[in-house]
Amino acid sequence: MSYADKKIPSVKLLNLVVGIWDALMEISHFFRDICFSKLNVDHIEMLETKIIETICKLEMVFPSSFFDSMEHLPVHLPFEVRGGGLVQYRWMYQFERLDIIVAM
């Protein structure tokens, strides 16, 4: 076995690792962008289309046993942001909301 033959599997492994890295970075950037304190409507529309592609990339990288009914829920988050406003006021427990009201 020559040196080039030994190198080919490592290149395939590197491409797989890069695919996993890209998919995980895209999903983390999605959640970072959703949690911004100021959002633009155009940016929310871009997030709606981008999350579908990101979930497809995750489905190509991870086995189907990884996915259940919860994995599709990020698709609904941009719609929720558009309808309900910023997430930091809705993603909290009731007593945390009461602390904000009392502090005001």
PDB file of N, CA and C in Angstrom:
ATOM      1  N   MET A   1       0.851  -1.174   0.000  1.00  0.00           N
ATOM      2  CA  MET A   1       0.000   0.000   0.000  1.00  0.00           C
ATOM      3  C   MET A   1       0.897   1.236   0.000  1.00  0.00           C
ATOM      4  N   SER A   2       0.660   2.103  -0.944  1.00  0.00           N
ATOM      5  CA  SER A   2       1.488   3.297  -1.058  1.00  0.00           C
ATOM      6  C   SER A   2       1.006   4.391  -0.102  1.00  0.00           C
ATOM      7  N   TYR A   3       1.783   5.438  -0.033  1.00  0.00           N
ATOM      8  CA  TYR A   3       1.444   6.566   0.844  1.00  0.00           C
ATOM      9  C   TYR A   3       0.138   7.226   0.412  1.00  0.00           C
ATOM     10  N   ALA A   4      -0.086   7.340  -0.890  1.00  0.00           N
ATOM     11  CA  ALA A   4      -1.310   7.966  -1.400  1.00  0.00           C
ATOM     12  C   ALA A   4      -2.534   7.144  -1.038  1.00  0.00           C
ATOM     13  N   ASP A   5      -2.404   5.820  -1.041  1.00  0.00           N
ATOM     14  CA  ASP A   5      -3.529   4.957  -0.666  1.00  0.00           C
ATOM     15  C   ASP A   5      -3.877   5.122   0.813  1.00  0.00           C
ATOM     16  N   LYS A   6      -2.878   5.353   1.645  1.00  0.00           N
ATOM     17  CA  LYS A   6      -3.135   5.557   3.067  1.00  0.00           C
ATOM     18  C   LYS A   6      -3.742   6.924   3.340  1.00  0.00           C
ATOM     19  N   LYS A   7      -3.458   7.875   2.477  1.00  0.00           N
ATOM     20  CA  LYS A   7      -3.918   9.239   2.682  1.00  0.00           C
ATOM     21  C   LYS A   7      -5.392   9.425   2.297  1.00  0.00           C
ATOM     22  N   ILE A   8      -5.903   8.652   1.360  1.00  0.00           N
ATOM     23  CA  ILE A   8      -7.275   8.825   0.860  1.00  0.00           C
ATOM     24  C   ILE A   8      -8.320   8.642   1.958  1.00  0.00           C
ATOM     25  N   PRO A   9      -8.264   7.608   2.808  1.00  0.00           N
ATOM     26  CA  PRO A   9      -9.285   7.510   3.861  1.00  0.00           C
ATOM     27  C   PRO A   9      -9.270   8.695   4.825  1.00  0.00           C
ATOM     28  N   SER A  10      -8.098   9.236   5.118  1.00  0.00           N
ATOM     29  CA  SER A  10      -8.056  10.382   6.029  1.00  0.00           C
ATOM     30  C   SER A  10      -8.694  11.612   5.385  1.00  0.00           C
ATOM     31  N   VAL A  11      -8.589  11.755   4.055  1.00  0.00           N
ATOM     32  CA  VAL A  11      -9.230  12.872   3.364  1.00  0.00           C
ATOM     33  C   VAL A  11     -10.745  12.710   3.426  1.00  0.00           C
ATOM     34  N   LYS A  12     -11.228  11.472   3.251  1.00  0.00           N
ATOM     35  CA  LYS A  12     -12.673  11.229   3.355  1.00  0.00           C
ATOM     36  C   LYS A  12     -13.164  11.512   4.770  1.00  0.00           C
ATOM     37  N   LEU A  13     -12.390  11.113   5.758  1.00  0.00           N
ATOM     38  CA  LEU A  13     -12.753  11.383   7.143  1.00  0.00           C
ATOM     39  C   LEU A  13     -12.766  12.877   7.419  1.00  0.00           C
ATOM     40  N   LEU A  14     -11.801  13.602   6.894  1.00  0.00           N
ATOM     41  CA  LEU A  14     -11.750  15.048   7.076  1.00  0.00           C
ATOM     42  C   LEU A  14     -12.973  15.721   6.456  1.00  0.00           C
ATOM     43  N   ASN A  15     -13.382  15.270   5.263  1.00  0.00           N
ATOM     44  CA  ASN A  15     -14.587  15.825   4.640  1.00  0.00           C
ATOM     45  C   ASN A  15     -15.822  15.542   5.481  1.00  0.00           C
ATOM     46  N   LEU A  16     -15.897  14.364   6.093  1.00  0.00           N
ATOM     47  CA  LEU A  16     -17.017  14.034   6.966  1.00  0.00           C
ATOM     48  C   LEU A  16     -17.019  14.930   8.194  1.00  0.00           C
ATOM     49  N   VAL A  17     -15.850  15.138   8.783  1.00  0.00           N
ATOM     50  CA  VAL A  17     -15.752  15.997   9.958  1.00  0.00           C
ATOM     51  C   VAL A  17     -16.138  17.429   9.605  1.00  0.00           C
ATOM     52  N   VAL A  18     -15.715  17.906   8.426  1.00  0.00           N
ATOM     53  CA  VAL A  18     -16.075  19.254   7.995  1.00  0.00           C
ATOM     54  C   VAL A  18     -17.575  19.359   7.789  1.00  0.00           C
ATOM     55  N   GLY A  19     -18.221  18.318   7.237  1.00  0.00           N
ATOM     56  CA  GLY A  19     -19.672  18.318   7.059  1.00  0.00           C
ATOM     57  C   GLY A  19     -20.405  18.381   8.386  1.00  0.00           C
ATOM     58  N   ILE A  20     -19.928  17.623   9.360  1.00  0.00           N
ATOM     59  CA  ILE A  20     -20.535  17.657  10.691  1.00  0.00           C
ATOM     60  C   ILE A  20     -20.337  19.029  11.317  1.00  0.00           C
ATOM     61  N   TRP A  21     -19.127  19.554  11.199  1.00  0.00           N
ATOM     62  CA  TRP A  21     -18.820  20.865  11.772  1.00  0.00           C
ATOM     63  C   TRP A  21     -19.708  21.948  11.159  1.00  0.00           C
ATOM     64  N   ASP A  22     -19.851  21.942   9.845  1.00  0.00           N
ATOM     65  CA  ASP A  22     -20.681  22.951   9.173  1.00  0.00           C
ATOM     66  C   ASP A  22     -22.132  22.874   9.631  1.00  0.00           C
ATOM     67  N   ALA A  23     -22.670  21.662   9.721  1.00  0.00           N
ATOM     68  CA  ALA A  23     -24.065  21.508  10.125  1.00  0.00           C
ATOM     69  C   ALA A  23     -24.276  21.981  11.563  1.00  0.00           C
ATOM     70  N   LEU A  24     -23.370  21.623  12.448  1.00  0.00           N
ATOM     71  CA  LEU A  24     -23.514  22.029  13.850  1.00  0.00           C
ATOM     72  C   LEU A  24     -23.306  23.539  14.024  1.00  0.00           C
ATOM     73  N   MET A  25     -22.401  24.112  13.258  1.00  0.00           N
ATOM     74  CA  MET A  25     -22.183  25.561  13.339  1.00  0.00           C
ATOM     75  C   MET A  25     -23.396  26.315  12.811  1.00  0.00           C
ATOM     76  N   GLU A  26     -24.018  25.812  11.759  1.00  0.00           N
ATOM     77  CA  GLU A  26     -25.199  26.484  11.222  1.00  0.00           C
ATOM     78  C   GLU A  26     -26.357  26.453  12.205  1.00  0.00           C
ATOM     79  N   ILE A  27     -26.550  25.338  12.891  1.00  0.00           N
ATOM     80  CA  ILE A  27     -27.652  25.274  13.864  1.00  0.00           C
ATOM     81  C   ILE A  27     -27.347  26.160  15.069  1.00  0.00           C
ATOM     82  N   SER A  28     -26.079  26.252  15.467  1.00  0.00           N
ATOM     83  CA  SER A  28     -25.750  27.127  16.594  1.00  0.00           C
ATOM     84  C   SER A  28     -25.876  28.598  16.200  1.00  0.00           C
ATOM     85  N   HIS A  29     -25.521  28.939  14.966  1.00  0.00           N
ATOM     86  CA  HIS A  29     -25.704  30.316  14.494  1.00  0.00           C
ATOM     87  C   HIS A  29     -27.178  30.673  14.390  1.00  0.00           C
ATOM     88  N   PHE A  30     -28.000  29.692  14.037  1.00  0.00           N
ATOM     89  CA  PHE A  30     -29.448  29.928  13.976  1.00  0.00           C
ATOM     90  C   PHE A  30     -29.978  30.316  15.352  1.00  0.00           C
ATOM     91  N   PHE A  31     -29.623  29.549  16.379  1.00  0.00           N
ATOM     92  CA  PHE A  31     -30.114  29.862  17.728  1.00  0.00           C
ATOM     93  C   PHE A  31     -29.518  31.166  18.247  1.00  0.00           C
ATOM     94  N   ARG A  32     -28.287  31.465  17.891  1.00  0.00           N
ATOM     95  CA  ARG A  32     -27.700  32.741  18.272  1.00  0.00           C
ATOM     96  C   ARG A  32     -28.475  33.895  17.634  1.00  0.00           C
ATOM     97  N   ASP A  33     -28.792  33.756  16.352  1.00  0.00           N
ATOM     98  CA  ASP A  33     -29.510  34.820  15.648  1.00  0.00           C
ATOM     99  C   ASP A  33     -30.933  34.980  16.156  1.00  0.00           C
ATOM    100  N   ILE A  34     -31.584  33.876  16.505  1.00  0.00           N
ATOM    101  CA  ILE A  34     -32.953  33.950  17.033  1.00  0.00           C
ATOM    102  C   ILE A  34     -32.978  34.696  18.366  1.00  0.00           C
ATOM    103  N   CYS A  35     -31.917  34.585  19.152  1.00  0.00           N
ATOM    104  CA  CYS A  35     -31.885  35.178  20.487  1.00  0.00           C
ATOM    105  C   CYS A  35     -31.310  36.586  20.520  1.00  0.00           C
ATOM    106  N   PHE A  36     -31.101  37.221  19.360  1.00  0.00           N
ATOM    107  CA  PHE A  36     -30.641  38.613  19.340  1.00  0.00           C
ATOM    108  C   PHE A  36     -31.645  39.510  20.047  1.00  0.00           C
ATOM    109  N   SER A  37     -31.164  40.614  20.600  1.00  0.00           N
ATOM    110  CA  SER A  37     -32.070  41.550  21.268  1.00  0.00           C
ATOM    111  C   SER A  37     -32.780  42.466  20.277  1.00  0.00           C
ATOM    112  N   LYS A  38     -32.263  42.586  19.057  1.00  0.00           N
ATOM    113  CA  LYS A  38     -32.913  43.363  18.005  1.00  0.00           C
ATOM    114  C   LYS A  38     -32.900  42.530  16.729  1.00  0.00           C
ATOM    115  N   LEU A  39     -34.079  42.363  16.134  1.00  0.00           N
ATOM    116  CA  LEU A  39     -34.185  41.551  14.929  1.00  0.00           C
ATOM    117  C   LEU A  39     -34.831  42.341  13.807  1.00  0.00           C
ATOM    118  N   ASN A  40     -34.375  42.076  12.597  1.00  0.00           N
ATOM    119  CA  ASN A  40     -34.921  42.684  11.399  1.00  0.00           C
ATOM    120  C   ASN A  40     -35.850  41.669  10.742  1.00  0.00           C
ATOM    121  N   VAL A  41     -36.947  42.123  10.162  1.00  0.00           N
ATOM    122  CA  VAL A  41     -37.905  41.218   9.534  1.00  0.00           C
ATOM    123  C   VAL A  41     -37.263  40.463   8.374  1.00  0.00           C
ATOM    124  N   ASP A  42     -36.411  41.122   7.610  1.00  0.00           N
ATOM    125  CA  ASP A  42     -35.730  40.453   6.503  1.00  0.00           C
ATOM    126  C   ASP A  42     -34.813  39.343   7.009  1.00  0.00           C
ATOM    127  N   HIS A  43     -34.180  39.583   8.132  1.00  0.00           N
ATOM    128  CA  HIS A  43     -33.292  38.575   8.722  1.00  0.00           C
ATOM    129  C   HIS A  43     -34.100  37.365   9.205  1.00  0.00           C
ATOM    130  N   ILE A  44     -35.281  37.593   9.736  1.00  0.00           N
ATOM    131  CA  ILE A  44     -36.136  36.490  10.188  1.00  0.00           C
ATOM    132  C   ILE A  44     -36.560  35.643   8.993  1.00  0.00           C
ATOM    133  N   GLU A  45     -36.902  36.288   7.877  1.00  0.00           N
ATOM    134  CA  GLU A  45     -37.277  35.541   6.676  1.00  0.00           C
ATOM    135  C   GLU A  45     -36.100  34.707   6.169  1.00  0.00           C
ATOM    136  N   MET A  46     -34.896  35.253   6.255  1.00  0.00           N
ATOM    137  CA  MET A  46     -33.716  34.507   5.841  1.00  0.00           C
ATOM    138  C   MET A  46     -33.493  33.305   6.766  1.00  0.00           C
ATOM    139  N   LEU A  47     -33.745  33.493   8.058  1.00  0.00           N
ATOM    140  CA  LEU A  47     -33.600  32.385   9.001  1.00  0.00           C
ATOM    141  C   LEU A  47     -34.598  31.271   8.710  1.00  0.00           C
ATOM    142  N   GLU A  48     -35.813  31.639   8.285  1.00  0.00           N
ATOM    143  CA  GLU A  48     -36.835  30.636   7.974  1.00  0.00           C
ATOM    144  C   GLU A  48     -36.380  29.711   6.848  1.00  0.00           C
ATOM    145  N   THR A  49     -35.758  30.260   5.828  1.00  0.00           N
ATOM    146  CA  THR A  49     -35.312  29.418   4.720  1.00  0.00           C
ATOM    147  C   THR A  49     -34.022  28.682   5.060  1.00  0.00           C
ATOM    148  N   LYS A  50     -33.168  29.313   5.836  1.00  0.00           N
ATOM    149  CA  LYS A  50     -31.865  28.723   6.140  1.00  0.00           C
ATOM    150  C   LYS A  50     -31.980  27.533   7.101  1.00  0.00           C
ATOM    151  N   ILE A  51     -32.933  27.568   8.024  1.00  0.00           N
ATOM    152  CA  ILE A  51     -33.054  26.478   9.000  1.00  0.00           C
ATOM    153  C   ILE A  51     -33.494  25.187   8.318  1.00  0.00           C
ATOM    154  N   ILE A  52     -34.266  25.298   7.255  1.00  0.00           N
ATOM    155  CA  ILE A  52     -34.686  24.095   6.532  1.00  0.00           C
ATOM    156  C   ILE A  52     -33.474  23.421   5.901  1.00  0.00           C
ATOM    157  N   GLU A  53     -32.609  24.205   5.290  1.00  0.00           N
ATOM    158  CA  GLU A  53     -31.390  23.656   4.702  1.00  0.00           C
ATOM    159  C   GLU A  53     -30.471  23.073   5.772  1.00  0.00           C
ATOM    160  N   THR A  54     -30.414  23.721   6.921  1.00  0.00           N
ATOM    161  CA  THR A  54     -29.554  23.238   8.007  1.00  0.00           C
ATOM    162  C   THR A  54     -30.037  21.899   8.539  1.00  0.00           C
ATOM    163  N   ILE A  55     -31.340  21.754   8.701  1.00  0.00           N
ATOM    164  CA  ILE A  55     -31.877  20.479   9.189  1.00  0.00           C
ATOM    165  C   ILE A  55     -31.640  19.382   8.158  1.00  0.00           C
ATOM    166  N   CYS A  56     -31.739  19.707   6.883  1.00  0.00           N
ATOM    167  CA  CYS A  56     -31.428  18.725   5.838  1.00  0.00           C
ATOM    168  C   CYS A  56     -29.969  18.289   5.924  1.00  0.00           C
ATOM    169  N   LYS A  57     -29.062  19.233   6.192  1.00  0.00           N
ATOM    170  CA  LYS A  57     -27.648  18.879   6.348  1.00  0.00           C
ATOM    171  C   LYS A  57     -27.442  17.978   7.556  1.00  0.00           C
ATOM    172  N   LEU A  58     -28.156  18.276   8.641  1.00  0.00           N
ATOM    173  CA  LEU A  58     -28.053  17.426   9.822  1.00  0.00           C
ATOM    174  C   LEU A  58     -28.559  16.018   9.527  1.00  0.00           C
ATOM    175  N   GLU A  59     -29.629  15.919   8.730  1.00  0.00           N
ATOM    176  CA  GLU A  59     -30.163  14.603   8.378  1.00  0.00           C
ATOM    177  C   GLU A  59     -29.205  13.825   7.482  1.00  0.00           C
ATOM    178  N   MET A  60     -28.408  14.522   6.686  1.00  0.00           N
ATOM    179  CA  MET A  60     -27.426  13.834   5.843  1.00  0.00           C
ATOM    180  C   MET A  60     -26.236  13.347   6.666  1.00  0.00           C
ATOM    181  N   VAL A  61     -25.924  14.033   7.763  1.00  0.00           N
ATOM    182  CA  VAL A  61     -24.738  13.692   8.548  1.00  0.00           C
ATOM    183  C   VAL A  61     -25.047  12.649   9.615  1.00  0.00           C
ATOM    184  N   PHE A  62     -26.130  12.830  10.345  1.00  0.00           N
ATOM    185  CA  PHE A  62     -26.449  11.944  11.462  1.00  0.00           C
ATOM    186  C   PHE A  62     -27.409  10.846  11.022  1.00  0.00           C
ATOM    187  N   PRO A  63     -27.399   9.706  11.710  1.00  0.00           N
ATOM    188  CA  PRO A  63     -28.307   8.618  11.334  1.00  0.00           C
ATOM    189  C   PRO A  63     -29.755   8.976  11.638  1.00  0.00           C
ATOM    190  N   SER A  64     -30.653   8.271  10.985  1.00  0.00           N
ATOM    191  CA  SER A  64     -32.083   8.584  11.142  1.00  0.00           C
ATOM    192  C   SER A  64     -32.588   8.298  12.561  1.00  0.00           C
ATOM    193  N   SER A  65     -31.908   7.442  13.299  1.00  0.00           N
ATOM    194  CA  SER A  65     -32.325   7.164  14.679  1.00  0.00           C
ATOM    195  C   SER A  65     -32.100   8.366  15.591  1.00  0.00           C
ATOM    196  N   PHE A  66     -31.276   9.314  15.161  1.00  0.00           N
ATOM    197  CA  PHE A  66     -31.033  10.527  15.937  1.00  0.00           C
ATOM    198  C   PHE A  66     -32.249  11.444  15.928  1.00  0.00           C
ATOM    199  N   PHE A  67     -33.022  11.413  14.861  1.00  0.00           N
ATOM    200  CA  PHE A  67     -34.123  12.356  14.678  1.00  0.00           C
ATOM    201  C   PHE A  67     -35.431  11.775  15.188  1.00  0.00           C
ATOM    202  N   ASP A  68     -36.135  12.590  15.934  1.00  0.00           N
ATOM    203  CA  ASP A  68     -37.482  12.259  16.364  1.00  0.00           C
ATOM    204  C   ASP A  68     -38.367  13.472  16.075  1.00  0.00           C
ATOM    205  N   SER A  69     -39.519  13.508  16.691  1.00  0.00           N
ATOM    206  CA  SER A  69     -40.448  14.607  16.382  1.00  0.00           C
ATOM    207  C   SER A  69     -39.955  15.963  16.882  1.00  0.00           C
ATOM    208  N   MET A  70     -39.006  15.990  17.806  1.00  0.00           N
ATOM    209  CA  MET A  70     -38.521  17.259  18.358  1.00  0.00           C
ATOM    210  C   MET A  70     -37.535  17.965  17.435  1.00  0.00           C
ATOM    211  N   GLU A  71     -36.918  17.251  16.513  1.00  0.00           N
ATOM    212  CA  GLU A  71     -35.864  17.840  15.687  1.00  0.00           C
ATOM    213  C   GLU A  71     -36.394  18.814  14.647  1.00  0.00           C
ATOM    214  N   HIS A  72     -37.693  18.782  14.375  1.00  0.00           N
ATOM    215  CA  HIS A  72     -38.239  19.708  13.384  1.00  0.00           C
ATOM    216  C   HIS A  72     -38.723  21.014  14.013  1.00  0.00           C
ATOM    217  N   LEU A  73     -38.730  21.130  15.315  1.00  0.00           N
ATOM    218  CA  LEU A  73     -39.282  22.308  15.988  1.00  0.00           C
ATOM    219  C   LEU A  73     -38.539  23.616  15.703  1.00  0.00           C
ATOM    220  N   PRO A  74     -37.217  23.632  15.457  1.00  0.00           N
ATOM    221  CA  PRO A  74     -36.594  24.919  15.101  1.00  0.00           C
ATOM    222  C   PRO A  74     -37.163  25.565  13.849  1.00  0.00           C
ATOM    223  N   VAL A  75     -37.828  24.789  12.998  1.00  0.00           N
ATOM    224  CA  VAL A  75     -38.448  25.355  11.801  1.00  0.00           C
ATOM    225  C   VAL A  75     -39.532  26.364  12.200  1.00  0.00           C
ATOM    226  N   HIS A  76     -40.190  26.148  13.330  1.00  0.00           N
ATOM    227  CA  HIS A  76     -41.292  27.009  13.761  1.00  0.00           C
ATOM    228  C   HIS A  76     -40.830  28.241  14.540  1.00  0.00           C
ATOM    229  N   LEU A  77     -39.593  28.280  14.973  1.00  0.00           N
ATOM    230  CA  LEU A  77     -39.122  29.387  15.809  1.00  0.00           C
ATOM    231  C   LEU A  77     -39.126  30.745  15.111  1.00  0.00           C
ATOM    232  N   PRO A  78     -38.709  30.874  13.848  1.00  0.00           N
ATOM    233  CA  PRO A  78     -38.791  32.199  13.219  1.00  0.00           C
ATOM    234  C   PRO A  78     -40.229  32.723  13.116  1.00  0.00           C
ATOM    235  N   PHE A  79     -41.186  31.828  12.860  1.00  0.00           N
ATOM    236  CA  PHE A  79     -42.590  32.237  12.831  1.00  0.00           C
ATOM    237  C   PHE A  79     -43.037  32.711  14.215  1.00  0.00           C
ATOM    238  N   GLU A  80     -42.573  32.016  15.250  1.00  0.00           N
ATOM    239  CA  GLU A  80     -42.904  32.406  16.620  1.00  0.00           C
ATOM    240  C   GLU A  80     -42.314  33.770  16.962  1.00  0.00           C
ATOM    241  N   VAL A  81     -41.104  34.027  16.502  1.00  0.00           N
ATOM    242  CA  VAL A  81     -40.463  35.323  16.746  1.00  0.00           C
ATOM    243  C   VAL A  81     -41.223  36.428  16.026  1.00  0.00           C
ATOM    244  N   ARG A  82     -41.639  36.154  14.807  1.00  0.00           N
ATOM    245  CA  ARG A  82     -42.368  37.162  14.044  1.00  0.00           C
ATOM    246  C   ARG A  82     -43.718  37.475  14.696  1.00  0.00           C
ATOM    247  N   GLY A  83     -44.362  36.468  15.234  1.00  0.00           N
ATOM    248  CA  GLY A  83     -45.678  36.674  15.838  1.00  0.00           C
ATOM    249  C   GLY A  83     -45.636  37.165  17.269  1.00  0.00           C
ATOM    250  N   GLY A  84     -44.646  36.720  18.038  1.00  0.00           N
ATOM    251  CA  GLY A  84     -44.640  37.024  19.458  1.00  0.00           C
ATOM    252  C   GLY A  84     -43.598  38.005  19.925  1.00  0.00           C
ATOM    253  N   GLY A  85     -42.666  38.358  19.069  1.00  0.00           N
ATOM    254  CA  GLY A  85     -41.627  39.296  19.480  1.00  0.00           C
ATOM    255  C   GLY A  85     -40.368  38.587  19.940  1.00  0.00           C
ATOM    256  N   LEU A  86     -39.530  39.320  20.625  1.00  0.00           N
ATOM    257  CA  LEU A  86     -38.226  38.803  21.043  1.00  0.00           C
ATOM    258  C   LEU A  86     -38.378  37.626  21.993  1.00  0.00           C
ATOM    259  N   VAL A  87     -37.463  36.660  21.876  1.00  0.00           N
ATOM    260  CA  VAL A  87     -37.605  35.423  22.630  1.00  0.00           C
ATOM    261  C   VAL A  87     -37.173  35.545  24.078  1.00  0.00           C
ATOM    262  N   GLN A  88     -36.309  36.490  24.399  1.00  0.00           N
ATOM    263  CA  GLN A  88     -35.831  36.532  25.776  1.00  0.00           C
ATOM    264  C   GLN A  88     -36.933  36.894  26.765  1.00  0.00           C
ATOM    265  N   TYR A  89     -38.051  37.434  26.299  1.00  0.00           N
ATOM    266  CA  TYR A  89     -39.175  37.733  27.189  1.00  0.00           C
ATOM    267  C   TYR A  89     -40.186  36.599  27.232  1.00  0.00           C
ATOM    268  N   ARG A  90     -40.045  35.617  26.362  1.00  0.00           N
ATOM    269  CA  ARG A  90     -40.980  34.502  26.349  1.00  0.00           C
ATOM    270  C   ARG A  90     -40.339  33.198  26.777  1.00  0.00           C
ATOM    271  N   TRP A  91     -39.025  33.056  26.658  1.00  0.00           N
ATOM    272  CA  TRP A  91     -38.352  31.833  27.035  1.00  0.00           C
ATOM    273  C   TRP A  91     -37.885  31.908  28.487  1.00  0.00           C
ATOM    274  N   MET A  92     -38.789  32.133  29.383  1.00  0.00           N
ATOM    275  CA  MET A  92     -38.437  32.169  30.801  1.00  0.00           C
ATOM    276  C   MET A  92     -39.592  31.596  31.613  1.00  0.00           C
ATOM    277  N   TYR A  93     -39.292  31.235  32.834  1.00  0.00           N
ATOM    278  CA  TYR A  93     -40.318  30.702  33.707  1.00  0.00           C
ATOM    279  C   TYR A  93     -41.199  31.837  34.229  1.00  0.00           C
ATOM    280  N   GLN A  94     -42.364  31.464  34.732  1.00  0.00           N
ATOM    281  CA  GLN A  94     -43.319  32.465  35.194  1.00  0.00           C
ATOM    282  C   GLN A  94     -42.751  33.340  36.309  1.00  0.00           C
ATOM    283  N   PHE A  95     -42.033  32.741  37.239  1.00  0.00           N
ATOM    284  CA  PHE A  95     -41.501  33.543  38.344  1.00  0.00           C
ATOM    285  C   PHE A  95     -40.424  34.510  37.867  1.00  0.00           C
ATOM    286  N   GLU A  96     -39.723  34.181  36.776  1.00  0.00           N
ATOM    287  CA  GLU A  96     -38.757  35.126  36.226  1.00  0.00           C
ATOM    288  C   GLU A  96     -39.464  36.328  35.610  1.00  0.00           C
ATOM    289  N   ARG A  97     -40.588  36.087  34.965  1.00  0.00           N
ATOM    290  CA  ARG A  97     -41.370  37.193  34.413  1.00  0.00           C
ATOM    291  C   ARG A  97     -41.895  38.090  35.529  1.00  0.00           C
ATOM    292  N   LEU A  98     -42.316  37.476  36.612  1.00  0.00           N
ATOM    293  CA  LEU A  98     -42.831  38.270  37.743  1.00  0.00           C
ATOM    294  C   LEU A  98     -41.725  39.113  38.347  1.00  0.00           C
ATOM    295  N   ASP A  99     -40.489  38.605  38.381  1.00  0.00           N
ATOM    296  CA  ASP A  99     -39.366  39.399  38.888  1.00  0.00           C
ATOM    297  C   ASP A  99     -39.149  40.645  38.049  1.00  0.00           C
ATOM    298  N   ILE A 100     -39.320  40.509  36.723  1.00  0.00           N
ATOM    299  CA  ILE A 100     -39.148  41.673  35.844  1.00  0.00           C
ATOM    300  C   ILE A 100     -40.246  42.687  36.099  1.00  0.00           C
ATOM    301  N   ILE A 101     -41.490  42.209  36.263  1.00  0.00           N
ATOM    302  CA  ILE A 101     -42.611  43.114  36.508  1.00  0.00           C
ATOM    303  C   ILE A 101     -42.445  43.823  37.854  1.00  0.00           C
ATOM    304  N   VAL A 102     -42.032  43.106  38.884  1.00  0.00           N
ATOM    305  CA  VAL A 102     -41.852  43.695  40.214  1.00  0.00           C
ATOM    306  C   VAL A 102     -40.715  44.707  40.190  1.00  0.00           C
ATOM    307  N   ALA A 103     -39.642  44.401  39.449  1.00  0.00           N
ATOM    308  CA  ALA A 103     -38.485  45.287  39.402  1.00  0.00           C
ATOM    309  C   ALA A 103     -38.820  46.598  38.673  1.00  0.00           C
ATOM    310  N   MET A 104     -39.780  46.571  37.765  1.00  0.00           N
ATOM    311  CA  MET A 104     -40.145  47.787  37.035  1.00  0.00           C
ATOM    312  C   MET A 104     -40.988  48.624  37.917  1.00  0.00           C
TER     313      MET A 104
END
